[in-house]
PDB file of N, CA and C in Angstrom:
ATOM      1  N   VAL A   1      -6.014  79.233 -11.309  1.00  0.00           N
ATOM      2  CA  VAL A   1      -5.991  78.872  -9.892  1.00  0.00           C
ATOM      3  C   VAL A   1      -6.266  77.365  -9.594  1.00  0.00           C
ATOM      4  N   LEU A   2      -5.576  76.695  -8.878  1.00  0.00           N
ATOM      5  CA  LEU A   2      -5.707  75.369  -8.686  1.00  0.00           C
ATOM      6  C   LEU A   2      -6.508  75.294  -7.203  1.00  0.00           C
ATOM      7  N   ASN A   3      -7.107  74.335  -7.181  1.00  0.00           N
ATOM      8  CA  ASN A   3      -7.727  73.876  -5.874  1.00  0.00           C
ATOM      9  C   ASN A   3      -7.033  72.663  -5.355  1.00  0.00           C
ATOM     10  N   VAL A   4      -6.371  72.530  -4.491  1.00  0.00           N
ATOM     11  CA  VAL A   4      -5.353  71.757  -3.782  1.00  0.00           C
ATOM     12  C   VAL A   4      -5.656  71.300  -2.344  1.00  0.00           C
ATOM     13  N   PRO A   5      -5.442  70.062  -2.046  1.00  0.00           N
ATOM     14  CA  PRO A   5      -5.559  69.610  -0.911  1.00  0.00           C
ATOM     15  C   PRO A   5      -4.708  70.277   0.096  1.00  0.00           C
ATOM     16  N   ASN A   6      -5.227  70.535   1.407  1.00  0.00           N
ATOM     17  CA  ASN A   6      -4.222  71.046   2.455  1.00  0.00           C
ATOM     18  C   ASN A   6      -2.996  70.164   3.129  1.00  0.00           C
ATOM     19  N   ASP A   7      -2.067  70.872   3.268  1.00  0.00           N
ATOM     20  CA  ASP A   7      -1.073  70.061   4.075  1.00  0.00           C
ATOM     21  C   ASP A   7      -1.727  69.271   5.266  1.00  0.00           C
ATOM     22  N   THR A   8      -1.030  68.220   5.777  1.00  0.00           N
ATOM     23  CA  THR A   8      -1.531  67.464   6.900  1.00  0.00           C
ATOM     24  C   THR A   8      -1.127  68.180   8.300  1.00  0.00           C
ATOM     25  N   ILE A   9      -0.117  69.128   8.071  1.00  0.00           N
ATOM     26  CA  ILE A   9       0.251  69.835   9.307  1.00  0.00           C
ATOM     27  C   ILE A   9      -0.911  71.043   9.578  1.00  0.00           C
ATOM     28  N   ASP A  10      -1.214  71.145  10.848  1.00  0.00           N
ATOM     29  CA  ASP A  10      -2.329  72.289  11.266  1.00  0.00           C
ATOM     30  C   ASP A  10      -1.405  73.323  11.364  1.00  0.00           C
ATOM     31  N   ASP A  11      -1.821  74.426  10.391  1.00  0.00           N
ATOM     32  CA  ASP A  11      -0.967  75.665  10.722  1.00  0.00           C
ATOM     33  C   ASP A  11      -1.609  76.718  11.462  1.00  0.00           C
ATOM     34  N   GLY A  12      -2.999  76.525  12.106  1.00  0.00           N
ATOM     35  CA  GLY A  12      -3.860  77.138  12.968  1.00  0.00           C
ATOM     36  C   GLY A  12      -4.636  78.017  12.445  1.00  0.00           C
ATOM     37  N   GLU A  13      -4.873  78.014  11.045  1.00  0.00           N
ATOM     38  CA  GLU A  13      -5.614  78.848  10.279  1.00  0.00           C
ATOM     39  C   GLU A  13      -7.159  77.817  10.012  1.00  0.00           C
ATOM     40  N   ASP A  14      -8.050  78.521  10.415  1.00  0.00           N
ATOM     41  CA  ASP A  14      -9.490  77.769  10.343  1.00  0.00           C
ATOM     42  C   ASP A  14     -10.270  78.105   9.191  1.00  0.00           C
ATOM     43  N   ASP A  15      -9.769  78.719   8.103  1.00  0.00           N
ATOM     44  CA  ASP A  15     -10.452  79.211   6.923  1.00  0.00           C
ATOM     45  C   ASP A  15     -10.612  78.173   5.786  1.00  0.00           C
ATOM     46  N   ASP A  16      -9.745  76.974   6.180  1.00  0.00           N
ATOM     47  CA  ASP A  16     -10.034  75.767   5.397  1.00  0.00           C
ATOM     48  C   ASP A  16     -10.954  74.623   5.915  1.00  0.00           C
ATOM     49  N   GLU A  17     -12.028  74.854   6.022  1.00  0.00           N
ATOM     50  CA  GLU A  17     -12.829  73.784   6.739  1.00  0.00           C
ATOM     51  C   GLU A  17     -13.218  72.723   5.879  1.00  0.00           C
ATOM     52  N   LEU A  18     -13.012  72.716   4.698  1.00  0.00           N
ATOM     53  CA  LEU A  18     -13.297  71.493   3.815  1.00  0.00           C
ATOM     54  C   LEU A  18     -12.008  70.507   3.295  1.00  0.00           C
ATOM     55  N   GLY A  19     -10.977  71.407   4.156  1.00  0.00           N
ATOM     56  CA  GLY A  19      -9.631  70.409   3.567  1.00  0.00           C
ATOM     57  C   GLY A  19      -8.687  70.900   2.249  1.00  0.00           C
ATOM     58  N   PHE A  20      -9.407  71.966   1.675  1.00  0.00           N
ATOM     59  CA  PHE A  20      -8.840  72.243   0.473  1.00  0.00           C
ATOM     60  C   PHE A  20      -8.446  73.812   0.534  1.00  0.00           C
ATOM     61  N   HIS A  21      -7.623  74.264  -0.113  1.00  0.00           N
ATOM     62  CA  HIS A  21      -7.320  75.744  -0.410  1.00  0.00           C
ATOM     63  C   HIS A  21      -7.243  75.940  -1.837  1.00  0.00           C
ATOM     64  N   TYR A  22      -7.112  77.431  -2.425  1.00  0.00           N
ATOM     65  CA  TYR A  22      -6.743  77.845  -3.556  1.00  0.00           C
ATOM     66  C   TYR A  22      -5.248  78.085  -3.779  1.00  0.00           C
ATOM     67  N   TYR A  23      -4.728  77.866  -4.790  1.00  0.00           N
ATOM     68  CA  TYR A  23      -3.207  78.492  -5.040  1.00  0.00           C
ATOM     69  C   TYR A  23      -3.150  78.849  -6.882  1.00  0.00           C
ATOM     70  N   CYS A  24      -2.478  80.191  -6.647  1.00  0.00           N
ATOM     71  CA  CYS A  24      -2.500  80.814  -8.024  1.00  0.00           C
ATOM     72  C   CYS A  24      -1.094  80.366  -8.434  1.00  0.00           C
ATOM     73  N   VAL A  25      -1.114  79.876  -9.560  1.00  0.00           N
ATOM     74  CA  VAL A  25       0.379  79.529  -9.943  1.00  0.00           C
ATOM     75  C   VAL A  25       1.210  80.629 -10.729  1.00  0.00           C
ATOM     76  N   LYS A  26       0.405  81.594 -11.192  1.00  0.00           N
ATOM     77  CA  LYS A  26       0.968  82.714 -11.758  1.00  0.00           C
ATOM     78  C   LYS A  26       1.710  83.812 -10.743  1.00  0.00           C
ATOM     79  N   TYR A  27       1.040  83.814  -9.853  1.00  0.00           N
ATOM     80  CA  TYR A  27       1.558  84.805  -8.597  1.00  0.00           C
ATOM     81  C   TYR A  27       1.901  84.331  -7.233  1.00  0.00           C
ATOM     82  N   LYS A  28       1.869  82.783  -7.417  1.00  0.00           N
ATOM     83  CA  LYS A  28       2.572  82.063  -6.380  1.00  0.00           C
ATOM     84  C   LYS A  28       1.749  82.599  -5.009  1.00  0.00           C
ATOM     85  N   VAL A  29       0.607  82.525  -4.894  1.00  0.00           N
ATOM     86  CA  VAL A  29      -0.145  83.094  -3.728  1.00  0.00           C
ATOM     87  C   VAL A  29      -1.192  81.958  -3.356  1.00  0.00           C
ATOM     88  N   LYS A  30      -1.081  81.652  -1.956  1.00  0.00           N
ATOM     89  CA  LYS A  30      -2.170  80.864  -1.339  1.00  0.00           C
ATOM     90  C   LYS A  30      -3.596  81.479  -0.954  1.00  0.00           C
ATOM     91  N   ASN A  31      -4.642  81.077  -1.489  1.00  0.00           N
ATOM     92  CA  ASN A  31      -6.019  81.623  -1.413  1.00  0.00           C
ATOM     93  C   ASN A  31      -6.027  83.180  -1.799  1.00  0.00           C
ATOM     94  N   PRO A  32      -5.830  83.343  -3.147  1.00  0.00           N
ATOM     95  CA  PRO A  32      -5.965  84.524  -3.794  1.00  0.00           C
ATOM     96  C   PRO A  32      -7.476  85.023  -3.493  1.00  0.00           C
ATOM     97  N   LYS A  33      -7.578  86.398  -3.703  1.00  0.00           N
ATOM     98  CA  LYS A  33      -8.947  86.962  -3.675  1.00  0.00           C
ATOM     99  C   LYS A  33      -9.474  86.702  -5.078  1.00  0.00           C
ATOM    100  N   LEU A  34     -10.572  85.787  -4.917  1.00  0.00           N
ATOM    101  CA  LEU A  34     -11.383  85.363  -6.077  1.00  0.00           C
ATOM    102  C   LEU A  34     -12.648  86.349  -6.528  1.00  0.00           C
ATOM    103  N   MET A  35     -12.768  86.727  -7.602  1.00  0.00           N
ATOM    104  CA  MET A  35     -14.166  87.591  -8.095  1.00  0.00           C
ATOM    105  C   MET A  35     -14.760  86.817  -9.034  1.00  0.00           C
ATOM    106  N   PRO A  36     -16.071  86.784  -8.645  1.00  0.00           N
ATOM    107  CA  PRO A  36     -17.125  86.279  -9.564  1.00  0.00           C
ATOM    108  C   PRO A  36     -16.992  86.805 -11.035  1.00  0.00           C
ATOM    109  N   ARG A  37     -17.612  85.693 -12.101  1.00  0.00           N
ATOM    110  CA  ARG A  37     -17.437  86.133 -13.413  1.00  0.00           C
ATOM    111  C   ARG A  37     -18.620  85.759 -14.065  1.00  0.00           C
ATOM    112  N   TYR A  38     -19.049  86.034 -14.999  1.00  0.00           N
ATOM    113  CA  TYR A  38     -20.144  85.744 -15.694  1.00  0.00           C
ATOM    114  C   TYR A  38     -20.150  86.002 -17.164  1.00  0.00           C
ATOM    115  N   LYS A  39     -21.004  85.192 -17.885  1.00  0.00           N
ATOM    116  CA  LYS A  39     -20.800  85.421 -19.344  1.00  0.00           C
ATOM    117  C   LYS A  39     -22.547  85.286 -19.475  1.00  0.00           C
ATOM    118  N   PHE A  40     -23.244  86.069 -20.421  1.00  0.00           N
ATOM    119  CA  PHE A  40     -24.846  85.815 -20.565  1.00  0.00           C
ATOM    120  C   PHE A  40     -24.851  85.577 -22.174  1.00  0.00           C
ATOM    121  N   HIS A  41     -25.681  84.585 -22.337  1.00  0.00           N
ATOM    122  CA  HIS A  41     -25.949  84.399 -23.782  1.00  0.00           C
ATOM    123  C   HIS A  41     -27.443  84.920 -23.767  1.00  0.00           C
ATOM    124  N   LEU A  42     -27.752  85.878 -24.632  1.00  0.00           N
ATOM    125  CA  LEU A  42     -29.259  86.173 -24.742  1.00  0.00           C
ATOM    126  C   LEU A  42     -29.689  86.229 -26.059  1.00  0.00           C
ATOM    127  N   ALA A  43     -30.801  85.814 -26.289  1.00  0.00           N
ATOM    128  CA  ALA A  43     -31.505  85.868 -27.549  1.00  0.00           C
ATOM    129  C   ALA A  43     -32.554  86.668 -27.310  1.00  0.00           C
ATOM    130  N   VAL A  44     -32.786  87.671 -28.310  1.00  0.00           N
ATOM    131  CA  VAL A  44     -33.806  88.778 -28.230  1.00  0.00           C
ATOM    132  C   VAL A  44     -34.748  88.582 -29.486  1.00  0.00           C
ATOM    133  N   LEU A  45     -36.057  88.399 -29.246  1.00  0.00           N
ATOM    134  CA  LEU A  45     -37.179  88.362 -30.249  1.00  0.00           C
ATOM    135  C   LEU A  45     -38.121  89.466 -30.248  1.00  0.00           C
ATOM    136  N   ASP A  46     -38.325  89.896 -31.546  1.00  0.00           N
ATOM    137  CA  ASP A  46     -39.346  90.828 -31.416  1.00  0.00           C
ATOM    138  C   ASP A  46     -40.104  90.688 -32.710  1.00  0.00           C
ATOM    139  N   ASN A  47     -40.870  91.680 -33.057  1.00  0.00           N
ATOM    140  CA  ASN A  47     -41.952  91.482 -34.357  1.00  0.00           C
ATOM    141  C   ASN A  47     -41.036  91.827 -35.758  1.00  0.00           C
ATOM    142  N   THR A  48     -39.663  92.481 -35.330  1.00  0.00           N
ATOM    143  CA  THR A  48     -38.938  92.333 -36.461  1.00  0.00           C
ATOM    144  C   THR A  48     -38.017  91.319 -36.935  1.00  0.00           C
ATOM    145  N   GLY A  49     -37.842  90.404 -35.975  1.00  0.00           N
ATOM    146  CA  GLY A  49     -36.821  89.627 -36.100  1.00  0.00           C
ATOM    147  C   GLY A  49     -36.214  89.051 -34.872  1.00  0.00           C
ATOM    148  N   ASN A  50     -35.065  88.325 -34.830  1.00  0.00           N
ATOM    149  CA  ASN A  50     -34.325  87.920 -33.499  1.00  0.00           C
ATOM    150  C   ASN A  50     -32.799  88.501 -33.785  1.00  0.00           C
ATOM    151  N   ALA A  51     -32.301  88.394 -32.566  1.00  0.00           N
ATOM    152  CA  ALA A  51     -30.953  88.797 -32.392  1.00  0.00           C
ATOM    153  C   ALA A  51     -30.207  87.883 -31.369  1.00  0.00           C
ATOM    154  N   LYS A  52     -28.920  87.469 -31.262  1.00  0.00           N
ATOM    155  CA  LYS A  52     -28.337  86.899 -30.139  1.00  0.00           C
ATOM    156  C   LYS A  52     -27.134  87.764 -29.799  1.00  0.00           C
ATOM    157  N   PHE A  53     -26.934  87.972 -28.592  1.00  0.00           N
ATOM    158  CA  PHE A  53     -25.910  88.678 -27.807  1.00  0.00           C
ATOM    159  C   PHE A  53     -25.116  87.763 -26.971  1.00  0.00           C
ATOM    160  N   LEU A  54     -23.914  88.064 -26.780  1.00  0.00           N
ATOM    161  CA  LEU A  54     -23.005  87.652 -25.743  1.00  0.00           C
ATOM    162  C   LEU A  54     -22.583  88.678 -24.944  1.00  0.00           C
ATOM    163  N   LEU A  55     -22.848  88.695 -23.553  1.00  0.00           N
ATOM    164  CA  LEU A  55     -22.301  89.620 -22.937  1.00  0.00           C
ATOM    165  C   LEU A  55     -21.491  89.374 -21.616  1.00  0.00           C
ATOM    166  N   PHE A  56     -20.414  89.964 -21.604  1.00  0.00           N
ATOM    167  CA  PHE A  56     -19.376  89.521 -20.513  1.00  0.00           C
ATOM    168  C   PHE A  56     -19.134  90.158 -19.312  1.00  0.00           C
ATOM    169  N   ASP A  57     -18.571  89.889 -18.241  1.00  0.00           N
ATOM    170  CA  ASP A  57     -18.647  90.638 -16.908  1.00  0.00           C
ATOM    171  C   ASP A  57     -18.035  91.899 -17.198  1.00  0.00           C
ATOM    172  N   ASN A  58     -17.468  92.446 -18.031  1.00  0.00           N
ATOM    173  CA  ASN A  58     -17.064  93.815 -18.149  1.00  0.00           C
ATOM    174  C   ASN A  58     -18.069  94.729 -18.437  1.00  0.00           C
ATOM    175  N   LEU A  59     -19.050  94.511 -18.581  1.00  0.00           N
ATOM    176  CA  LEU A  59     -20.449  95.253 -18.910  1.00  0.00           C
ATOM    177  C   LEU A  59     -20.782  95.622 -17.347  1.00  0.00           C
ATOM    178  N   GLU A  60     -21.004  96.937 -16.995  1.00  0.00           N
ATOM    179  CA  GLU A  60     -21.176  97.353 -15.748  1.00  0.00           C
ATOM    180  C   GLU A  60     -22.787  96.521 -15.402  1.00  0.00           C
ATOM    181  N   SER A  61     -22.529  95.862 -14.242  1.00  0.00           N
ATOM    182  CA  SER A  61     -23.707  95.167 -13.621  1.00  0.00           C
ATOM    183  C   SER A  61     -24.825  96.069 -13.346  1.00  0.00           C
ATOM    184  N   SER A  62     -24.502  97.188 -12.993  1.00  0.00           N
ATOM    185  CA  SER A  62     -25.857  98.130 -12.580  1.00  0.00           C
ATOM    186  C   SER A  62     -26.543  98.568 -13.877  1.00  0.00           C
ATOM    187  N   TYR A  63     -25.856  98.759 -14.901  1.00  0.00           N
ATOM    188  CA  TYR A  63     -26.369  99.134 -16.198  1.00  0.00           C
ATOM    189  C   TYR A  63     -27.247  98.054 -16.748  1.00  0.00           C
ATOM    190  N   PHE A  64     -26.879  96.755 -16.527  1.00  0.00           N
ATOM    191  CA  PHE A  64     -27.613  95.610 -17.111  1.00  0.00           C
ATOM    192  C   PHE A  64     -28.952  95.392 -16.126  1.00  0.00           C
ATOM    193  N   ILE A  65     -28.708  95.371 -14.805  1.00  0.00           N
ATOM    194  CA  ILE A  65     -29.922  95.251 -13.895  1.00  0.00           C
ATOM    195  C   ILE A  65     -30.838  96.497 -14.279  1.00  0.00           C
ATOM    196  N   ALA A  66     -30.452  97.639 -14.578  1.00  0.00           N
ATOM    197  CA  ALA A  66     -31.448  98.744 -14.887  1.00  0.00           C
ATOM    198  C   ALA A  66     -32.032  98.486 -16.248  1.00  0.00           C
ATOM    199  N   LEU A  67     -31.404  97.803 -17.136  1.00  0.00           N
ATOM    200  CA  LEU A  67     -31.764  97.577 -18.387  1.00  0.00           C
ATOM    201  C   LEU A  67     -32.856  96.634 -18.466  1.00  0.00           C
ATOM    202  N   ALA A  68     -32.779  95.448 -17.469  1.00  0.00           N
ATOM    203  CA  ALA A  68     -33.395  94.303 -17.466  1.00  0.00           C
ATOM    204  C   ALA A  68     -34.816  94.678 -16.768  1.00  0.00           C
ATOM    205  N   MET A  69     -34.767  95.716 -15.778  1.00  0.00           N
ATOM    206  CA  MET A  69     -35.827  96.041 -15.014  1.00  0.00           C
ATOM    207  C   MET A  69     -36.684  97.138 -15.757  1.00  0.00           C
ATOM    208  N   SER A  70     -36.347  97.437 -17.127  1.00  0.00           N
ATOM    209  CA  SER A  70     -37.342  98.576 -17.787  1.00  0.00           C
ATOM    210  C   SER A  70     -38.110  97.856 -18.727  1.00  0.00           C
TER     211      SER A  70
END
């Protein structure tokens, strides 16, 4: 996804307040639907030792929130 400046021609759309829009080169679509992504680096330590974990956004977020609150 590229962040490109808008054309100087006013197309009547007001969703580009900052003068930029996104363009997907792969699908050739202006302003594709963007989804937030995340990656967690966790370091866990207890009395038996430590471990490092790398969690990506494919982990169900409700599971992670429930785990963090317990």
